[in-house]
Protein backbone atom coordinates (compact mmCIF):
# COMPACT_ATOMS: atom_id res chain seq x y z
CA MET A 1 23.49 2.71 13.27
CA ALA A 2 21.73 -1.03 12.39
CA ALA A 3 21.10 -0.40 9.27
CA LEU A 4 24.88 0.71 8.75
CA ILE A 5 26.19 -2.58 10.25
CA LEU A 6 24.18 -4.49 7.91
CA ILE A 7 25.34 -2.52 4.64
CA VAL A 8 29.44 -3.05 6.03
CA ALA A 9 28.60 -6.81 6.59
CA PHE A 10 26.96 -7.42 3.31
CA LEU A 11 29.71 -5.44 1.95
CA GLY A 12 32.40 -7.72 3.47
CA ILE A 13 30.67 -10.51 2.26
CA PHE A 14 30.94 -9.79 -1.21
CA VAL A 15 34.44 -8.04 -1.51
CA ASN A 16 35.77 -11.22 0.68
CA THR A 17 34.13 -13.69 -1.54
CA LEU A 18 35.81 -11.57 -4.65
CA ARG A 19 39.00 -11.79 -2.46
CA ALA A 20 38.63 -15.58 -1.49
CA ASP A 21 39.97 -18.37 -2.89
CA GLU A 22 36.96 -20.49 -1.80
CA ALA A 23 33.64 -19.28 -0.65
CA TYR A 24 30.80 -21.74 0.08
CA GLN A 25 26.81 -21.22 1.19
CA TYR A 26 24.36 -23.65 2.99
CA TYR A 27 21.41 -23.13 4.97
CA GLU A 28 19.99 -25.05 7.45
CA LYS A 29 16.97 -25.04 10.31
CA GLY A 30 18.30 -23.32 13.28
CA CYS A 31 17.21 -24.84 17.18
CA ASN A 32 13.21 -23.03 16.85
CA GLY A 33 13.06 -23.91 13.34
CA GLU A 34 14.35 -20.86 11.90
CA THR A 35 16.42 -20.98 8.37
CA VAL A 36 19.79 -19.75 9.22
CA TYR A 37 21.95 -19.13 6.16
CA HIS A 38 25.83 -19.36 6.16
CA THR A 39 28.71 -17.68 3.91
CA VAL A 40 32.34 -19.38 4.69
CA ASN A 41 35.15 -17.46 2.98
CA ILE A 42 38.59 -19.30 2.97
CA ASN A 43 41.95 -17.36 1.67
CA GLU A 44 44.88 -19.36 1.86
CA GLN A 45 47.14 -16.00 0.98
CA VAL A 46 46.46 -14.12 4.36
CA LYS A 47 45.49 -17.21 6.13
CA ILE A 48 42.00 -16.00 6.93
CA VAL A 49 38.50 -17.88 7.18
CA VAL A 50 35.92 -15.03 7.09
CA PHE A 51 31.93 -17.02 8.52
CA ASN A 52 29.14 -15.22 8.22
CA ILE A 53 25.88 -16.06 9.62
CA TYR A 54 21.99 -14.81 9.42
CA SER A 55 19.20 -15.97 11.01
CA GLY A 56 17.33 -12.80 11.63
CA LYS A 57 17.91 -10.65 14.06
CA GLN A 58 20.58 -13.04 15.75
CA MET A 59 23.24 -12.47 12.63
CA SER A 60 26.92 -13.11 13.68
CA ASN A 61 30.54 -12.78 12.27
CA ALA A 62 33.66 -14.19 12.94
CA VAL A 63 36.93 -14.35 11.55
CA PHE A 64 39.75 -16.47 12.44
CA ASP A 65 43.24 -15.18 11.79
CA TYR A 66 45.64 -18.24 11.31
CA ARG A 67 48.34 -15.69 11.28
CA GLN A 68 47.94 -13.55 14.42
CA ASN A 69 46.75 -16.76 16.30
CA ILE A 70 43.20 -15.23 17.00
CA ILE A 71 39.29 -15.97 16.85
CA ALA A 72 37.62 -12.66 17.03
CA TYR A 73 33.31 -13.29 17.05
CA HIS A 74 31.26 -10.44 16.50
CA MET A 75 27.28 -10.55 18.12
CA PRO A 76 25.86 -7.37 16.81
CA TYR A 77 22.41 -8.21 18.37
CA ARG A 78 23.84 -8.15 21.48
CA GLY A 79 26.65 -5.37 20.91
CA ILE A 80 29.89 -6.93 21.84
CA CYS A 81 33.24 -8.39 20.09
CA ILE A 82 34.85 -11.00 21.59
CA ILE A 83 38.78 -12.09 20.82
CA ALA A 84 40.31 -15.60 21.94
CA HIS A 85 43.94 -16.93 21.39
CA MET A 86 44.13 -19.49 19.52
CA ASP A 87 45.75 -22.40 20.45
CA ILE A 88 47.40 -24.07 17.19
CA ALA A 89 48.43 -27.32 18.23
CA THR A 90 44.78 -28.38 18.93
CA PHE A 91 42.81 -25.75 16.65
CA PRO A 92 41.89 -27.53 13.07
CA ASP A 93 44.00 -25.86 10.30
CA LEU A 94 43.22 -23.96 7.87
CA GLY A 95 43.45 -26.75 4.86
CA ILE A 96 40.80 -28.67 7.30
CA PHE A 97 38.49 -25.94 6.19
CA GLN A 98 38.77 -26.78 2.31
CA ARG A 99 38.70 -31.04 2.68
CA PHE A 100 35.34 -30.36 4.40
CA VAL A 101 34.15 -27.97 1.60
CA GLN A 102 35.38 -30.67 -1.03
CA THR A 103 33.79 -33.69 0.34
CA LYS A 104 30.57 -31.88 1.76
CA ARG A 105 30.26 -33.63 5.03
CA GLU A 106 30.88 -34.51 7.91
CA ARG A 107 33.12 -37.04 10.11
CA LYS A 108 31.87 -37.84 13.27
CA GLU A 109 35.37 -39.78 14.43
CA GLU A 110 36.68 -36.03 13.57
CA ILE A 111 34.46 -33.96 15.11
CA SER A 112 34.71 -35.35 18.25
CA ARG A 113 38.45 -33.81 18.26
CA LEU A 114 37.52 -30.87 17.19
CA LEU A 115 35.11 -29.14 19.46
CA LYS A 116 35.87 -25.95 21.16
CA HIS A 117 34.68 -24.41 24.27
CA TYR A 118 35.79 -21.02 25.24
CA GLU A 119 34.32 -18.65 28.51
CA VAL A 120 34.43 -14.88 27.93
CA THR A 121 36.04 -12.72 30.99
CA ASN A 122 35.32 -9.58 31.63
CA GLN A 123 38.85 -7.99 30.98
CA GLN A 124 38.05 -5.86 28.03
CA VAL A 125 40.24 -5.40 24.98
CA THR A 126 41.35 -1.64 24.30
CA ASP A 127 44.04 -2.46 21.46
CA LEU A 128 42.47 -3.84 18.47
CA TYR A 129 45.07 -2.54 16.02
CA GLN A 130 47.61 -5.30 17.26
CA PHE A 131 45.34 -7.92 15.56
CA GLY A 132 45.69 -6.73 12.36
CA SER A 133 43.42 -5.53 9.88
CA ALA A 134 40.41 -8.22 9.83
CA VAL A 135 39.90 -8.42 13.38
CA GLN A 136 40.04 -4.64 13.59
CA GLY A 137 37.43 -4.20 10.90
CA LEU A 138 35.10 -6.82 12.64
CA CYS A 139 35.20 -5.72 16.34
CA TRP A 140 36.19 -1.61 15.50
CA GLY A 141 33.88 0.67 17.68
CA ILE A 142 32.16 -2.18 20.02
CA PRO A 143 32.78 -3.04 23.37
CA THR A 144 35.18 -6.28 22.65
CA TYR A 145 36.38 -8.57 25.86
CA TRP A 146 38.79 -11.65 25.91
CA ALA A 147 37.86 -15.43 26.05
CA ARG A 148 39.65 -17.89 27.37
CA GLU A 149 39.65 -21.84 26.03
CA ASP A 150 38.43 -24.14 28.61
CA PRO A 151 39.74 -28.14 28.05
CA LYS A 152 35.83 -28.97 28.93
CA PRO A 153 32.85 -27.03 29.85
CA ARG A 154 32.12 -26.57 33.11
CA ARG A 155 29.01 -28.52 34.77
CA VAL A 156 28.49 -26.79 38.02
CA PHE A 157 25.75 -24.70 39.82
CA GLY A 158 25.25 -21.69 38.07
CA ALA A 159 23.82 -19.67 34.71
CA GLU A 160 25.88 -19.33 31.72
CA GLY A 161 24.85 -18.50 27.91
CA CYS A 162 26.35 -19.15 24.92
CA ALA A 163 26.99 -18.11 21.73
CA GLY A 164 29.07 -19.76 18.91
CA ILE A 165 30.41 -20.49 15.35
CA LYS A 166 28.96 -24.20 13.92
CA PHE A 167 30.47 -25.16 10.79
CA LEU A 168 30.00 -28.46 9.13
CA PHE A 169 32.79 -30.06 12.08
CA ILE A 170 33.68 -27.38 14.00
CA HIS A 171 31.46 -26.28 16.84
CA VAL A 172 33.40 -23.01 18.94
CA GLY A 173 31.31 -22.17 21.47
CA LEU A 174 31.91 -18.58 23.24
CA CYS A 175 29.86 -18.59 27.04
CA ALA A 176 29.54 -16.23 30.06
CA GLY A 177 28.72 -16.58 33.08
CA PHE A 178 28.61 -16.99 36.81
CA HIS A 179 29.37 -20.27 38.58
CA LEU A 180 28.98 -20.91 42.56
CA PHE A 181 31.23 -23.75 42.54
């Protein structure tokens, strides 16, 4: 099963790269000093950005679908997929990805405005067909849960685990846990 997931992910990268308007690859050091590889495919025709992140067993993929206003995040190492609504009024537009890829630098004042925080709920998504083929292909056959956007992360007693997409300027955190207050 793991081999099948890896084959599908690699095929997805090559197919998406061929169809993408802009493809960008880079690597960075992770929290534990490991090398983390990123592939980003931007397709303006279908208004989708696809992220593929490789860090050993903690590989993850994400789709930002601007037509459906949906973010889908697949974590094979956790065996789940997470879907959240994209608030188009506050979420960066599709063109901003190309601008930052072309300039290849971060702008700190813009980063602070773009930070997003999503909290995973226990509500399971049962019908992936409504979200289109990109999200369906990413999350098909995997337990899929809704996440909701929180304006600010909670600062209370409890336990929490987070995973997320970090691409140049945008950090989308998907968190789950329990809170006492």
